[in-house]
Amino acid sequence: MHNLNYITYQTFPAFTANSIQTIANIKYLVRNQVNVSLYFPLRAVTSTDNIGELKKFYSIEEDFQAYGMEHNLPFGKFKIFNRILFLISHLIWSYQTVKTIANEKPESDLFFTRSDWVFYFLSKRNRTVVFECHQFTKIRRLIINSALKKKTSKIIFLNTLLKKDYEEKYLLSENFIVLHNAVDLEYFSEIPETHGSELVFIGKLKRFNNSRNIDFLLKGLACLDKKYTIKIVGATKAEIKELETVAFALGVNKRLKVLETVPYNKVANQLSTSSIGVLINSKFNSHSTRYTSPLKYFEYLAAGLKVLAVDYPSHRDLPYSEKIEYFDENSLESFISAVHRLDKKVKTRQSEISSISLDVRAKEIIKFLST
């Protein structure tokens, strides 16, 4: 059995996609005989390392060790200078945490992280570490280039575009793989086949404080035949009121349903009434246009939904992208045409998408860690 220390600057529990992704991956690493210890900062009022509370929040039964690490640092304590305080606090916390944990753990232990600074400091100590890279920044590229001078340091890129934008002379041929997100298929094993005309978007309505352009979906709905409806899952109470106001002005309020965030194990139930899953974002962030591998996409496929997506390079890079119908950003004509094309498409069956399961992803991570 491998001993894996997962060190991250995320906070738990949280309804964020990144925290759900981390716990879901840990669940299947444990199922594949990996002994996982999760280390993270207690930087939010709601942060806790109580394993019972974490398992209940994320609806899992698998056992792992959780260690909340002290975080007497400025990020999260002030409402101004968030970006610079995050960078400083992240760096200091990573240095202190790596120093503490690396000194305690035997050389045979493996490390996994989503933190570039944790990756850097573990690499400097010649520890076997894998960094799961989700975004591109100039600072991160410098950190990665330095860390990858060590043969014990490896990277998982979330998509091929991210790998291409980072690839420099330090990216050796054997120290990285491209591995998209995945889905917990066991939650979707009993999804009934639907034949309605409900579009669904699930997830937060903002990304990096930018709107995901959900208002455009309501404008598109107003232009479609009245048989079509839209369900939005993941709004705050304030966002629900805003969307209902917009929908009323467009005359589609009776064709719109807006819900707050639901637990991960309830996502399948929400998707079970829908027939079309929507991927939409703002063009103002490169993560959305080039690097994202959204959990909701894999959930849509697992639920047997057809997929409608704004035409970004990141969406073209997704597994089974040939099943997606694309529309041009902010073009109602293109949106309507794509919806009509989907009417003629055959839904995805679970038997076709076994490769996007979290179990398969966990096996790929273990194989990569062990080579």
Protein backbone atom coordinates (compact mmCIF):
# COMPACT_ATOMS: atom_id res chain seq x y z
CA MET A 1 0.00 0.00 0.00
CA HIS A 2 1.28 3.47 -0.92
CA ASN A 3 1.39 6.25 1.67
CA LEU A 4 0.29 9.49 0.00
CA ASN A 5 0.45 12.91 1.64
CA TYR A 6 -1.95 15.31 -0.08
CA ILE A 7 -0.92 18.88 0.82
CA THR A 8 -3.10 21.71 -0.47
CA TYR A 9 -3.87 25.37 0.24
CA GLN A 10 -7.58 24.70 -0.24
CA THR A 11 -9.96 24.81 2.68
CA PHE A 12 -12.47 22.15 3.75
CA PRO A 13 -15.37 21.66 3.86
CA ALA A 14 -16.61 23.84 1.00
CA PHE A 15 -19.08 23.64 -1.86
CA THR A 16 -16.42 24.76 -4.36
CA ALA A 17 -15.71 22.55 -7.38
CA ASN A 18 -12.02 22.36 -6.44
CA SER A 19 -12.69 21.01 -2.94
CA ILE A 20 -15.21 18.50 -4.31
CA GLN A 21 -12.65 17.39 -6.90
CA THR A 22 -9.98 16.88 -4.24
CA ILE A 23 -12.17 14.79 -1.93
CA ALA A 24 -13.61 12.78 -4.83
CA ASN A 25 -10.09 11.91 -6.00
CA ILE A 26 -9.09 10.95 -2.45
CA LYS A 27 -12.15 8.69 -2.22
CA TYR A 28 -11.00 6.64 -5.19
CA LEU A 29 -7.33 6.69 -4.25
CA VAL A 30 -8.37 5.10 -0.95
CA ARG A 31 -10.48 2.55 -2.81
CA ASN A 32 -7.37 1.64 -4.77
CA GLN A 33 -5.41 0.81 -1.62
CA VAL A 34 -3.68 4.17 -1.09
CA ASN A 35 -3.27 5.39 2.49
CA VAL A 36 -4.07 9.13 2.16
CA SER A 37 -3.28 11.91 4.61
CA LEU A 38 -4.78 15.31 3.71
CA TYR A 39 -3.09 18.48 4.99
CA PHE A 40 -4.74 21.88 4.54
CA PRO A 41 -4.88 25.29 6.27
CA LEU A 42 -7.56 26.16 8.81
CA ARG A 43 -8.01 29.54 7.13
CA ALA A 44 -11.80 29.87 7.15
CA VAL A 45 -14.27 30.08 10.02
CA THR A 46 -15.90 26.90 8.75
CA SER A 47 -12.63 24.97 8.29
CA THR A 48 -12.36 21.70 10.19
CA ASP A 49 -10.28 18.53 10.09
CA ASN A 50 -12.93 16.50 11.91
CA ILE A 51 -13.04 13.45 9.68
CA GLY A 52 -16.63 12.61 10.62
CA GLU A 53 -17.83 16.06 9.57
CA LEU A 54 -15.84 15.94 6.33
CA LYS A 55 -17.18 12.51 5.39
CA LYS A 56 -20.74 13.64 6.11
CA PHE A 57 -20.35 16.89 4.16
CA TYR A 58 -18.93 15.13 1.08
CA SER A 59 -21.14 12.05 1.46
CA ILE A 60 -18.31 9.51 1.46
CA GLU A 61 -17.56 6.48 3.63
CA GLU A 62 -13.87 5.97 2.81
CA ASP A 63 -11.38 6.56 5.62
CA PHE A 64 -8.43 8.92 5.30
CA GLN A 65 -6.45 11.11 7.68
CA ALA A 66 -7.22 14.84 7.77
CA TYR A 67 -4.90 17.40 9.37
CA GLY A 68 -5.88 21.04 9.61
CA MET A 69 -2.71 23.12 9.79
CA GLU A 70 -2.37 26.41 11.64
CA HIS A 71 -2.90 29.52 9.51
CA ASN A 72 -1.97 32.68 11.43
CA LEU A 73 -1.52 34.60 8.19
CA PRO A 74 -3.28 37.64 6.66
CA PHE A 75 -5.19 36.02 3.77
CA GLY A 76 -8.87 35.72 4.60
CA LYS A 77 -8.72 38.21 7.46
CA PHE A 78 -9.08 41.37 5.35
CA LYS A 79 -11.39 42.38 2.52
CA ILE A 80 -8.73 44.32 0.61
CA PHE A 81 -5.53 43.31 -1.21
CA ASN A 82 -6.84 39.75 -1.48
CA ARG A 83 -4.61 38.75 -4.37
CA ILE A 84 -1.30 39.88 -2.85
CA LEU A 85 -2.27 38.58 0.61
CA PHE A 86 -3.13 35.23 -0.94
CA LEU A 87 0.27 35.00 -2.66
CA ILE A 88 2.22 35.92 0.48
CA SER A 89 0.18 33.73 2.84
CA HIS A 90 0.26 30.79 0.41
CA LEU A 91 4.05 30.98 0.11
CA ILE A 92 4.68 31.23 3.87
CA TRP A 93 2.17 28.52 4.77
CA SER A 94 3.61 26.17 2.13
CA TYR A 95 7.18 26.63 3.34
CA GLN A 96 6.26 26.05 6.98
CA THR A 97 3.99 23.08 6.25
CA VAL A 98 6.43 21.32 3.92
CA LYS A 99 9.24 21.78 6.41
CA THR A 100 7.15 20.21 9.19
CA ILE A 101 5.69 17.31 7.21
CA ALA A 102 8.72 16.40 5.09
CA ASN A 103 10.86 16.08 8.22
CA GLU A 104 8.33 13.68 9.73
CA LYS A 105 7.67 11.43 6.73
CA PRO A 106 9.95 8.61 5.53
CA GLU A 107 11.65 8.85 2.13
CA SER A 108 9.33 6.18 0.76
CA ASP A 109 6.25 8.39 1.21
CA LEU A 110 4.68 10.03 -1.86
CA PHE A 111 3.31 13.55 -2.08
CA PHE A 112 0.50 15.09 -4.11
CA THR A 113 -0.49 18.76 -4.32
CA ARG A 114 -2.47 21.41 -6.15
CA SER A 115 -0.18 24.11 -4.74
CA ASP A 116 2.74 25.35 -6.85
CA TRP A 117 4.65 26.48 -3.76
CA VAL A 118 4.19 23.13 -2.01
CA PHE A 119 5.45 21.52 -5.22
CA TYR A 120 8.47 23.83 -5.26
CA PHE A 121 9.50 23.29 -1.64
CA LEU A 122 9.02 19.52 -1.79
CA SER A 123 11.08 19.41 -4.99
CA LYS A 124 13.92 21.25 -3.30
CA ARG A 125 13.91 18.48 -0.69
CA ASN A 126 14.09 15.78 -3.40
CA ARG A 127 10.78 14.26 -2.33
CA THR A 128 8.65 12.34 -4.83
CA VAL A 129 5.85 14.78 -5.59
CA VAL A 130 3.14 15.22 -8.21
CA PHE A 131 1.66 18.65 -8.87
CA GLU A 132 -1.83 18.74 -10.38
CA CYS A 133 -1.79 21.92 -12.47
CA HIS A 134 -5.11 23.66 -13.21
CA GLN A 135 -4.08 27.16 -14.29
CA PHE A 136 -1.38 29.14 -16.07
CA THR A 137 0.49 32.09 -14.52
CA LYS A 138 3.92 33.53 -15.25
CA ILE A 139 5.01 33.05 -11.63
CA ARG A 140 3.85 29.46 -11.72
CA ARG A 141 5.83 28.80 -14.89
CA LEU A 142 9.02 29.98 -13.17
CA ILE A 143 8.28 27.81 -10.13
CA ILE A 144 7.59 24.77 -12.29
CA ASN A 145 10.70 25.24 -14.37
CA SER A 146 12.79 25.28 -11.21
CA ALA A 147 11.01 22.33 -9.58
CA LEU A 148 11.24 20.11 -12.65
CA LYS A 149 15.02 20.09 -12.52
CA LYS A 150 14.46 17.32 -9.98
CA LYS A 151 13.69 13.88 -11.41
CA THR A 152 11.41 13.15 -8.45
CA SER A 153 9.07 15.99 -9.45
CA LYS A 154 6.15 15.39 -11.82
CA ILE A 155 3.12 17.23 -13.15
CA ILE A 156 -0.43 16.33 -14.10
CA PHE A 157 -1.84 18.87 -16.55
CA LEU A 158 -5.61 19.17 -16.66
CA ASN A 159 -5.71 19.52 -20.45
CA THR A 160 -3.39 19.60 -23.46
CA LEU A 161 -3.63 23.39 -23.90
CA LEU A 162 -2.33 23.90 -20.38
CA LYS A 163 0.57 21.55 -21.07
CA LYS A 164 1.44 23.35 -24.31
CA ASP A 165 1.46 26.77 -22.67
CA TYR A 166 3.82 25.58 -19.93
CA GLU A 167 6.08 23.40 -22.03
CA GLU A 168 9.67 24.60 -21.89
CA LYS A 169 13.07 22.89 -21.93
CA TYR A 170 12.58 21.72 -18.33
CA LEU A 171 9.47 19.72 -19.18
CA LEU A 172 11.06 16.34 -19.77
CA SER A 173 9.38 13.62 -21.78
CA GLU A 174 8.68 11.37 -18.80
CA ASN A 175 7.70 13.74 -15.99
CA PHE A 176 4.20 14.82 -17.00
CA ILE A 177 0.87 13.47 -18.15
CA VAL A 178 -2.36 15.10 -19.28
CA LEU A 179 -5.32 13.93 -17.21
CA HIS A 180 -8.73 15.57 -17.39
CA ASN A 181 -11.22 15.66 -14.55
CA ALA A 182 -13.59 12.73 -14.04
CA VAL A 183 -16.88 11.79 -12.41
CA ASP A 184 -18.09 9.46 -9.67
CA LEU A 185 -20.17 7.14 -11.83
CA GLU A 186 -21.75 5.28 -8.91
CA TYR A 187 -24.02 8.28 -8.27
CA PHE A 188 -25.35 8.04 -11.82
CA SER A 189 -26.06 4.32 -12.07
CA GLU A 190 -29.86 4.64 -11.86
CA ILE A 191 -30.54 7.79 -13.89
CA PRO A 192 -33.81 7.37 -15.84
CA GLU A 193 -33.84 8.24 -19.53
CA THR A 194 -35.59 11.57 -20.13
CA HIS A 195 -37.19 12.88 -23.30
CA GLY A 196 -38.04 16.44 -22.30
CA SER A 197 -36.56 19.74 -23.42
CA GLU A 198 -35.00 21.04 -20.22
CA LEU A 199 -31.62 22.74 -20.39
CA VAL A 200 -29.59 22.70 -17.19
CA PHE A 201 -26.58 24.58 -15.86
CA ILE A 202 -25.07 23.37 -12.59
CA GLY A 203 -22.35 25.17 -10.64
CA LYS A 204 -21.50 28.59 -9.30
CA LEU A 205 -22.79 31.52 -11.36
CA LYS A 206 -19.50 33.40 -11.03
CA ARG A 207 -15.89 32.35 -11.67
CA PHE A 208 -13.02 34.44 -10.28
CA ASN A 209 -15.64 37.10 -9.52
CA ASN A 210 -16.67 37.28 -13.19
CA SER A 211 -20.17 36.41 -14.34
CA ARG A 212 -20.54 33.17 -16.28
CA ASN A 213 -22.94 34.99 -18.61
CA ILE A 214 -26.03 33.16 -17.35
CA ASP A 215 -28.23 36.09 -18.43
CA PHE A 216 -27.45 35.13 -22.02
CA LEU A 217 -29.08 31.73 -21.45
CA LEU A 218 -32.31 33.47 -20.44
CA LYS A 219 -32.18 35.62 -23.58
CA GLY A 220 -31.64 32.45 -25.60
CA LEU A 221 -34.58 30.78 -23.85
CA ALA A 222 -36.83 33.69 -24.86
CA CYS A 223 -35.97 32.98 -28.51
CA LEU A 224 -36.64 29.24 -28.34
CA ASP A 225 -39.90 27.36 -28.71
CA LYS A 226 -41.96 27.36 -25.51
CA LYS A 227 -41.38 23.63 -25.04
CA TYR A 228 -37.85 24.47 -23.80
CA THR A 229 -37.18 25.26 -20.14
CA ILE A 230 -34.01 26.01 -18.17
CA LYS A 231 -32.91 24.91 -14.71
CA ILE A 232 -30.03 26.68 -12.91
CA VAL A 233 -28.53 24.85 -9.91
CA GLY A 234 -25.96 26.59 -7.71
CA ALA A 235 -27.20 30.16 -7.25
CA THR A 236 -27.08 32.20 -4.06
CA LYS A 237 -30.32 33.63 -2.68
CA ALA A 238 -29.43 37.05 -4.12
CA GLU A 239 -28.65 35.52 -7.53
CA ILE A 240 -31.97 33.69 -7.54
CA LYS A 241 -33.81 37.00 -7.13
CA GLU A 242 -31.71 38.63 -9.85
CA LEU A 243 -32.35 35.83 -12.34
CA GLU A 244 -36.05 35.75 -11.58
CA THR A 245 -36.21 39.50 -12.25
CA VAL A 246 -34.42 39.10 -15.60
CA ALA A 247 -36.62 36.14 -16.53
CA PHE A 248 -39.79 38.09 -15.74
CA ALA A 249 -38.65 40.99 -17.93
CA LEU A 250 -37.99 38.55 -20.79
CA GLY A 251 -41.29 36.77 -20.27
CA VAL A 252 -39.71 33.39 -19.48
CA ASN A 253 -40.20 33.32 -15.71
CA LYS A 254 -42.57 30.33 -15.96
CA ARG A 255 -39.95 28.41 -17.95
CA LEU A 256 -37.10 29.00 -15.46
CA LYS A 257 -36.25 27.12 -12.28
CA VAL A 258 -33.38 28.34 -10.07
CA LEU A 259 -32.00 26.37 -7.10
CA GLU A 260 -29.25 26.88 -4.56
CA THR A 261 -26.18 24.64 -4.40
CA VAL A 262 -26.87 20.94 -3.77
CA PRO A 263 -24.50 18.33 -2.25
CA TYR A 264 -22.37 16.40 -4.72
CA ASN A 265 -24.30 13.17 -4.17
CA LYS A 266 -27.54 14.98 -5.12
CA VAL A 267 -26.27 16.30 -8.45
CA ALA A 268 -27.44 13.22 -10.35
CA ASN A 269 -30.99 13.72 -9.07
CA GLN A 270 -31.02 17.30 -10.32
CA LEU A 271 -29.74 16.27 -13.75
CA SER A 272 -32.20 13.39 -14.07
CA THR A 273 -35.02 15.65 -15.30
CA SER A 274 -32.91 17.40 -17.92
CA SER A 275 -31.93 16.56 -21.47
CA ILE A 276 -29.29 19.20 -22.31
CA GLY A 277 -26.35 20.25 -20.13
CA VAL A 278 -24.87 23.70 -20.74
CA LEU A 279 -21.23 24.83 -20.51
CA ILE A 280 -21.00 28.60 -20.50
CA ASN A 281 -18.46 31.07 -19.15
CA SER A 282 -17.01 34.52 -19.62
CA LYS A 283 -14.28 35.16 -22.20
CA PHE A 284 -12.53 37.52 -19.79
CA ASN A 285 -10.58 34.76 -18.04
CA SER A 286 -8.08 32.50 -19.81
CA HIS A 287 -8.81 29.68 -17.39
CA SER A 288 -12.33 29.51 -18.82
CA THR A 289 -11.33 29.82 -22.46
CA ARG A 290 -8.24 27.57 -22.48
CA TYR A 291 -7.63 25.53 -19.34
CA THR A 292 -10.86 24.42 -17.71
CA SER A 293 -11.89 20.77 -17.49
CA PRO A 294 -15.24 21.33 -15.76
CA LEU A 295 -16.67 18.73 -13.41
CA LYS A 296 -20.15 19.58 -14.65
CA TYR A 297 -19.26 18.36 -18.15
CA PHE A 298 -18.43 14.88 -16.88
CA GLU A 299 -21.56 14.93 -14.74
CA TYR A 300 -23.64 15.79 -17.80
CA LEU A 301 -22.17 12.85 -19.73
CA ALA A 302 -22.67 10.50 -16.80
CA ALA A 303 -26.32 11.55 -16.60
CA GLY A 304 -26.77 10.81 -20.30
CA LEU A 305 -27.33 14.46 -21.22
CA LYS A 306 -26.57 16.04 -24.56
CA VAL A 307 -24.07 18.88 -24.16
CA LEU A 308 -24.27 22.47 -25.42
CA ALA A 309 -21.13 24.61 -25.00
CA VAL A 310 -19.83 28.05 -25.86
CA ASP A 311 -17.10 27.57 -28.46
CA TYR A 312 -13.86 27.87 -26.46
CA PRO A 313 -10.60 25.98 -27.09
CA SER A 314 -10.90 24.44 -23.59
CA HIS A 315 -14.24 22.87 -24.49
CA ARG A 316 -12.87 21.59 -27.81
CA ASP A 317 -10.12 19.82 -25.83
CA LEU A 318 -12.50 17.83 -23.62
CA PRO A 319 -12.83 14.03 -23.91
CA TYR A 320 -15.74 13.06 -26.19
CA SER A 321 -15.82 16.65 -27.48
CA GLU A 322 -17.35 15.31 -30.70
CA LYS A 323 -20.56 14.83 -28.70
CA ILE A 324 -20.78 18.56 -27.94
CA GLU A 325 -22.72 21.10 -30.00
CA TYR A 326 -20.99 24.50 -29.93
CA PHE A 327 -22.34 28.03 -30.21
CA ASP A 328 -20.56 31.35 -30.67
CA GLU A 329 -20.34 33.47 -27.55
CA ASN A 330 -23.19 35.99 -27.20
CA SER A 331 -24.73 34.98 -30.54
CA LEU A 332 -28.41 34.16 -30.11
CA GLU A 333 -28.65 32.88 -33.68
CA SER A 334 -25.75 30.47 -33.10
CA PHE A 335 -27.19 29.38 -29.74
CA ILE A 336 -30.62 28.60 -31.19
CA SER A 337 -29.11 26.71 -34.12
CA ALA A 338 -26.97 24.58 -31.75
CA VAL A 339 -30.01 23.70 -29.61
CA HIS A 340 -31.90 22.58 -32.71
CA ARG A 341 -28.95 20.46 -33.85
CA LEU A 342 -28.96 18.74 -30.45
CA ASP A 343 -32.54 17.61 -31.05
CA LYS A 344 -31.17 15.27 -33.72
CA LYS A 345 -28.29 13.93 -31.61
CA VAL A 346 -28.34 10.63 -29.74
CA LYS A 347 -27.75 10.76 -26.00
CA THR A 348 -24.59 9.36 -24.46
CA ARG A 349 -24.86 5.99 -22.70
CA GLN A 350 -22.90 5.20 -19.54
CA SER A 351 -21.33 2.19 -21.26
CA GLU A 352 -19.66 4.63 -23.66
CA ILE A 353 -17.96 6.75 -21.01
CA SER A 354 -16.33 4.34 -18.55
CA SER A 355 -12.97 6.00 -19.22
CA ILE A 356 -14.06 9.23 -17.48
CA SER A 357 -14.71 7.57 -14.12
CA LEU A 358 -12.86 8.67 -10.99
CA ASP A 359 -11.77 5.09 -10.48
CA VAL A 360 -9.92 5.10 -13.81
CA ARG A 361 -8.42 8.51 -12.98
CA ALA A 362 -7.20 7.30 -9.58
CA LYS A 363 -5.50 4.30 -11.20
CA GLU A 364 -3.74 6.62 -13.66
CA ILE A 365 -2.51 8.82 -10.78
CA ILE A 366 -1.19 5.80 -8.87
CA LYS A 367 0.57 4.48 -11.97
CA PHE A 368 2.14 7.90 -12.60
CA LEU A 369 3.26 8.25 -8.97
CA SER A 370 4.85 4.81 -9.02
CA THR A 371 6.95 5.21 -12.18
